[in-house]
Amino acid sequence: MDLDRQILSRFQRPLLPSSMLGLEAMTGTLDDFGFEDYLNDPRDSETVKPLDLHHSMEVHLSLSKGSVCPSFM
């Protein structure tokens, strides 16, 4: 069980935010849904810039300089 938890806690998509759905399903926190889960998503904020995947990949491959994910204006 601990090995599964370690694997699922490290599983993420590159350059995109991950919801950790597998980890939440295994630990049982998937069933706990409150107002903060729906209303407190920082990606829904008006101050967050949209993610530029092309620039992020260029930074990741050392073809460009700058922040991989500039999140705030």
N, C-alpha and C. Protein backbone atom coordinates (compact mmCIF):
# COMPACT_ATOMS: atom_id res chain seq x y z
N MET A 1 0.83 -1.19 0.00
CA MET A 1 0.00 0.00 0.00
C MET A 1 0.87 1.25 0.00
N ASP A 2 1.98 1.25 0.74
CA ASP A 2 2.86 2.41 0.77
C ASP A 2 3.54 2.61 -0.58
N LEU A 3 3.88 1.52 -1.25
CA LEU A 3 4.50 1.63 -2.57
C LEU A 3 3.53 2.24 -3.57
N ASP A 4 2.26 1.83 -3.51
CA ASP A 4 1.25 2.41 -4.38
C ASP A 4 1.09 3.91 -4.12
N ARG A 5 1.10 4.28 -2.86
CA ARG A 5 0.97 5.70 -2.49
C ARG A 5 2.15 6.52 -3.01
N GLN A 6 3.36 5.97 -2.91
CA GLN A 6 4.54 6.68 -3.41
C GLN A 6 4.48 6.85 -4.93
N ILE A 7 4.06 5.80 -5.62
CA ILE A 7 3.98 5.87 -7.08
C ILE A 7 2.93 6.89 -7.51
N LEU A 8 1.76 6.83 -6.89
CA LEU A 8 0.68 7.73 -7.29
C LEU A 8 0.94 9.18 -6.89
N SER A 9 1.73 9.41 -5.84
CA SER A 9 2.01 10.79 -5.43
C SER A 9 3.03 11.45 -6.36
N ARG A 10 3.80 10.68 -7.10
CA ARG A 10 4.78 11.24 -8.03
C ARG A 10 4.26 11.31 -9.46
N PHE A 11 3.14 10.70 -9.75
CA PHE A 11 2.61 10.65 -11.11
C PHE A 11 1.99 11.99 -11.48
N GLN A 12 2.58 12.66 -12.48
CA GLN A 12 2.06 13.94 -12.94
C GLN A 12 2.26 14.05 -14.44
N ARG A 13 1.44 14.85 -15.07
CA ARG A 13 1.60 15.13 -16.49
C ARG A 13 2.65 16.22 -16.64
N PRO A 14 3.50 16.15 -17.66
CA PRO A 14 4.52 17.18 -17.81
C PRO A 14 3.92 18.52 -18.20
N LEU A 15 4.33 19.56 -17.51
CA LEU A 15 3.99 20.96 -17.77
C LEU A 15 2.53 21.31 -17.55
N LEU A 16 1.71 20.40 -17.09
CA LEU A 16 0.30 20.67 -16.84
C LEU A 16 -0.04 20.35 -15.40
N PRO A 17 -0.96 21.06 -14.80
CA PRO A 17 -1.34 20.74 -13.42
C PRO A 17 -2.04 19.39 -13.36
N SER A 18 -1.74 18.62 -12.34
CA SER A 18 -2.32 17.30 -12.18
C SER A 18 -3.29 17.30 -11.00
N SER A 19 -4.38 16.61 -11.15
CA SER A 19 -5.38 16.56 -10.09
C SER A 19 -5.09 15.44 -9.09
N MET A 20 -4.12 14.59 -9.37
CA MET A 20 -3.78 13.45 -8.50
C MET A 20 -5.00 12.57 -8.24
N LEU A 21 -5.76 12.29 -9.27
CA LEU A 21 -6.99 11.53 -9.14
C LEU A 21 -6.74 10.12 -8.60
N GLY A 22 -5.69 9.46 -9.06
CA GLY A 22 -5.39 8.11 -8.57
C GLY A 22 -5.08 8.08 -7.09
N LEU A 23 -4.31 9.06 -6.62
CA LEU A 23 -3.98 9.14 -5.20
C LEU A 23 -5.22 9.44 -4.37
N GLU A 24 -6.07 10.34 -4.86
CA GLU A 24 -7.30 10.65 -4.14
C GLU A 24 -8.23 9.44 -4.08
N ALA A 25 -8.29 8.66 -5.15
CA ALA A 25 -9.14 7.47 -5.15
C ALA A 25 -8.61 6.42 -4.19
N MET A 26 -7.29 6.28 -4.11
CA MET A 26 -6.71 5.28 -3.23
C MET A 26 -6.85 5.66 -1.76
N THR A 27 -6.68 6.94 -1.43
CA THR A 27 -6.74 7.36 -0.03
C THR A 27 -8.16 7.62 0.47
N GLY A 28 -9.11 7.72 -0.45
CA GLY A 28 -10.49 7.94 -0.04
C GLY A 28 -10.88 9.40 0.04
N THR A 29 -9.96 10.31 -0.27
CA THR A 29 -10.29 11.73 -0.22
C THR A 29 -11.11 12.17 -1.43
N LEU A 30 -11.26 11.30 -2.40
CA LEU A 30 -12.07 11.61 -3.57
C LEU A 30 -13.54 11.78 -3.20
N ASP A 31 -13.97 11.08 -2.16
CA ASP A 31 -15.37 11.15 -1.74
C ASP A 31 -15.68 12.40 -0.92
N ASP A 32 -14.65 13.08 -0.40
CA ASP A 32 -14.85 14.30 0.38
C ASP A 32 -14.83 15.50 -0.56
N PHE A 33 -15.99 16.06 -0.82
CA PHE A 33 -16.10 17.19 -1.76
C PHE A 33 -16.76 18.34 -1.04
N GLY A 34 -16.03 19.44 -0.89
CA GLY A 34 -16.57 20.61 -0.19
C GLY A 34 -16.59 21.83 -1.09
N PHE A 35 -17.05 22.94 -0.52
CA PHE A 35 -17.11 24.19 -1.28
C PHE A 35 -15.72 24.64 -1.74
N GLU A 36 -14.70 24.40 -0.90
CA GLU A 36 -13.35 24.83 -1.26
C GLU A 36 -12.82 24.09 -2.47
N ASP A 37 -13.29 22.89 -2.71
CA ASP A 37 -12.86 22.15 -3.89
C ASP A 37 -13.41 22.75 -5.17
N TYR A 38 -14.58 23.31 -5.11
CA TYR A 38 -15.22 23.88 -6.29
C TYR A 38 -14.91 25.37 -6.47
N LEU A 39 -14.90 26.11 -5.37
CA LEU A 39 -14.78 27.55 -5.46
C LEU A 39 -13.37 28.09 -5.30
N ASN A 40 -12.42 27.27 -4.89
CA ASN A 40 -11.08 27.77 -4.59
C ASN A 40 -10.04 27.25 -5.60
N ASP A 41 -10.40 27.14 -6.86
CA ASP A 41 -9.47 26.66 -7.87
C ASP A 41 -8.69 27.86 -8.43
N PRO A 42 -7.37 27.93 -8.21
CA PRO A 42 -6.61 29.09 -8.68
C PRO A 42 -6.59 29.22 -10.20
N ARG A 43 -6.84 28.13 -10.92
CA ARG A 43 -6.86 28.22 -12.39
C ARG A 43 -8.07 28.99 -12.89
N ASP A 44 -9.10 29.16 -12.06
CA ASP A 44 -10.28 29.93 -12.45
C ASP A 44 -10.13 31.42 -12.16
N SER A 45 -9.02 31.81 -11.57
CA SER A 45 -8.80 33.21 -11.22
C SER A 45 -8.60 34.06 -12.47
N GLU A 46 -9.02 35.30 -12.40
CA GLU A 46 -8.86 36.21 -13.54
C GLU A 46 -7.42 36.70 -13.68
N THR A 47 -6.59 36.52 -12.66
CA THR A 47 -5.22 37.00 -12.72
C THR A 47 -4.24 35.96 -13.24
N VAL A 48 -4.69 34.76 -13.53
CA VAL A 48 -3.81 33.70 -14.00
C VAL A 48 -3.70 33.77 -15.52
N LYS A 49 -2.46 33.77 -16.02
CA LYS A 49 -2.24 33.76 -17.46
C LYS A 49 -2.48 32.35 -18.00
N PRO A 50 -2.95 32.23 -19.23
CA PRO A 50 -3.07 30.90 -19.81
C PRO A 50 -1.68 30.30 -20.05
N LEU A 51 -1.57 29.01 -19.95
CA LEU A 51 -0.30 28.31 -20.09
C LEU A 51 0.10 28.24 -21.55
N ASP A 52 1.33 28.64 -21.86
CA ASP A 52 1.86 28.55 -23.21
C ASP A 52 2.71 27.28 -23.29
N LEU A 53 2.14 26.21 -23.82
CA LEU A 53 2.83 24.93 -23.85
C LEU A 53 4.07 24.96 -24.72
N HIS A 54 4.04 25.72 -25.81
CA HIS A 54 5.20 25.78 -26.70
C HIS A 54 6.40 26.41 -25.98
N HIS A 55 6.17 27.53 -25.30
CA HIS A 55 7.25 28.18 -24.56
C HIS A 55 7.74 27.30 -23.42
N SER A 56 6.83 26.64 -22.73
CA SER A 56 7.22 25.77 -21.62
C SER A 56 8.10 24.63 -22.11
N MET A 57 7.78 24.06 -23.25
CA MET A 57 8.58 22.96 -23.79
C MET A 57 9.94 23.47 -24.26
N GLU A 58 9.99 24.68 -24.83
CA GLU A 58 11.27 25.25 -25.24
C GLU A 58 12.17 25.49 -24.03
N VAL A 59 11.62 25.96 -22.93
CA VAL A 59 12.41 26.16 -21.71
C VAL A 59 12.87 24.82 -21.16
N HIS A 60 11.99 23.83 -21.20
CA HIS A 60 12.32 22.50 -20.70
C HIS A 60 13.47 21.87 -21.51
N LEU A 61 13.51 22.13 -22.82
CA LEU A 61 14.56 21.58 -23.68
C LEU A 61 15.76 22.51 -23.81
N SER A 62 15.80 23.58 -23.02
CA SER A 62 16.88 24.58 -23.01
C SER A 62 17.03 25.29 -24.35
N LEU A 63 15.94 25.48 -25.06
CA LEU A 63 15.96 26.23 -26.31
C LEU A 63 15.60 27.69 -26.08
N SER A 64 15.02 27.99 -24.93
CA SER A 64 14.59 29.35 -24.60
C SER A 64 14.83 29.57 -23.12
N LYS A 65 14.89 30.83 -22.72
CA LYS A 65 15.07 31.15 -21.31
C LYS A 65 13.80 31.75 -20.76
N GLY A 66 13.66 31.68 -19.48
CA GLY A 66 12.50 32.23 -18.81
C GLY A 66 11.85 31.20 -17.92
N SER A 67 10.73 31.56 -17.39
CA SER A 67 9.99 30.68 -16.50
C SER A 67 9.21 29.66 -17.31
N VAL A 68 9.16 28.43 -16.83
CA VAL A 68 8.40 27.39 -17.52
C VAL A 68 6.93 27.70 -17.49
N CYS A 69 6.45 28.16 -16.35
CA CYS A 69 5.01 28.41 -16.19
C CYS A 69 4.80 29.74 -15.49
N PRO A 70 4.79 30.85 -16.22
CA PRO A 70 4.47 32.12 -15.57
C PRO A 70 2.99 32.13 -15.21
N SER A 71 2.69 32.09 -13.94
CA SER A 71 1.29 31.87 -13.56
C SER A 71 0.52 33.15 -13.26
N PHE A 72 1.18 34.22 -12.86
CA PHE A 72 0.44 35.44 -12.53
C PHE A 72 0.90 36.58 -13.41
N MET A 73 -0.02 37.49 -13.70
CA MET A 73 0.29 38.66 -14.53
C MET A 73 1.15 39.64 -13.76
